[in-house]
Each structure stands twice: as C-alpha cells, then as structure tokens.
Protein backbone atom coordinates (compact mmCIF):
# COMPACT_ATOMS: atom_id res chain seq x y z
CA MET A 1 83.82 85.78 106.08
CA ARG A 2 87.55 85.20 106.34
CA GLN A 3 89.73 88.32 106.30
CA SER A 4 92.79 88.69 104.13
CA VAL A 5 96.17 88.21 105.78
CA ASN A 6 97.54 91.40 104.24
CA ARG A 7 94.45 93.54 104.79
CA GLY A 8 95.40 97.20 104.98
CA ARG A 9 99.08 96.57 104.38
CA PRO A 10 100.61 98.70 101.58
CA TRP A 11 101.97 97.02 98.47
CA THR A 12 105.77 96.73 98.41
CA ASP A 13 108.11 96.44 95.43
CA ASP A 14 108.45 92.71 96.19
CA ASP A 15 104.65 92.35 96.20
CA ASP A 16 104.49 94.12 92.83
CA ALA A 17 107.19 91.85 91.40
CA ASP A 18 105.33 88.78 92.68
CA LEU A 19 102.09 90.07 91.12
CA ARG A 20 103.82 90.68 87.78
CA GLY A 21 105.28 87.17 87.81
CA ARG A 22 101.94 85.57 88.59
CA ILE A 23 100.22 87.54 85.84
CA ALA A 24 102.98 86.54 83.40
CA ALA A 25 102.33 82.93 84.43
CA ARG A 26 98.67 83.52 83.41
CA GLN A 27 97.18 82.90 86.86
CA THR A 28 93.65 84.15 87.43
CA ALA A 29 92.81 86.87 89.96
CA ALA A 30 91.32 84.25 92.31
CA VAL A 31 94.47 82.11 92.28
CA ILE A 32 96.72 85.13 92.73
CA ALA A 33 94.60 86.44 95.61
CA ARG A 34 94.76 83.11 97.47
CA GLY A 35 98.51 82.84 96.83
CA ILE A 36 99.44 86.27 98.15
CA GLY A 37 96.81 86.62 100.87
CA ARG A 38 94.87 89.54 99.41
CA THR A 39 91.37 89.94 98.04
CA GLN A 40 90.54 89.61 94.35
CA ASP A 41 89.51 93.26 94.32
CA ALA A 42 92.91 94.24 95.75
CA VAL A 43 94.67 92.19 93.07
CA ARG A 44 92.56 93.67 90.28
CA GLY A 45 93.05 97.19 91.63
CA ARG A 46 96.80 96.88 91.96
CA ALA A 47 97.11 95.32 88.50
CA SER A 48 95.17 98.25 87.10
CA THR A 49 97.36 100.75 88.97
CA LEU A 50 100.46 99.09 87.51
CA GLY A 51 98.92 99.02 84.02
CA LEU A 52 98.79 95.22 83.91
CA ALA A 53 96.03 93.14 82.34
CA LEU A 54 94.87 90.05 84.17
CA PRO A 55 94.14 86.96 82.10
CA SER A 56 90.47 86.36 81.41
CA PRO A 57 89.09 83.26 83.16
CA THR A 58 86.34 83.01 80.54
CA ARG A 59 88.62 83.49 77.53
CA PRO A 60 91.98 81.92 78.46
CA TRP A 61 93.16 81.85 74.84
CA ARG A 62 93.28 85.66 74.69
CA GLN A 63 96.61 87.15 75.64
CA TRP A 64 95.39 90.67 76.42
CA PRO A 65 92.06 92.43 76.22
CA ARG A 66 91.62 94.33 72.99
CA ARG A 67 91.21 98.09 73.11
CA SER A 68 88.91 99.78 70.65
CA PRO A 69 90.43 102.54 68.50
CA ALA A 70 87.98 105.01 70.01
CA ASN A 71 89.26 104.27 73.52
CA PRO A 72 93.05 103.66 73.29
CA GLN A 73 94.88 103.13 76.53
C-alpha cells in the first residue's frame, strides 16, 4: 500500500483554502485526495472539521446533503 505524501503533516491555512476550492469545484474525495497527497479519510475528516460538505459521487446533481428537521446542523 502506497503511503500519502503528507502523512502526519498538520493542515495549514493554504491546505484548507485548497480544499475549499476543490470542494467548490465539485471534485470528489478521491480526486481531491490524489491531488493534494492525502488519504480520502483525511480529506473527509478535514472537510467535516471545517463544516464543508463533499459532493456525492453517487448523486452528483445534489448540491448539498439535506438535513432532516429532527437533526439540524
């Protein structure tokens, strides 16, 4: 298994800005991970920490996941 280039390295403000731009461009977690040299889990985790929603690879027409009224976020 190939290890990530940035394994163990903390996220910087530039990394966060790059992640936000890639999410805005509707790239999937897999594409983002390959582009920035991190794992998909790292990308998903950081997006969650920043309060960002990744585009769904199975439902690309949806802009953001819907939240139920019982579980607002």
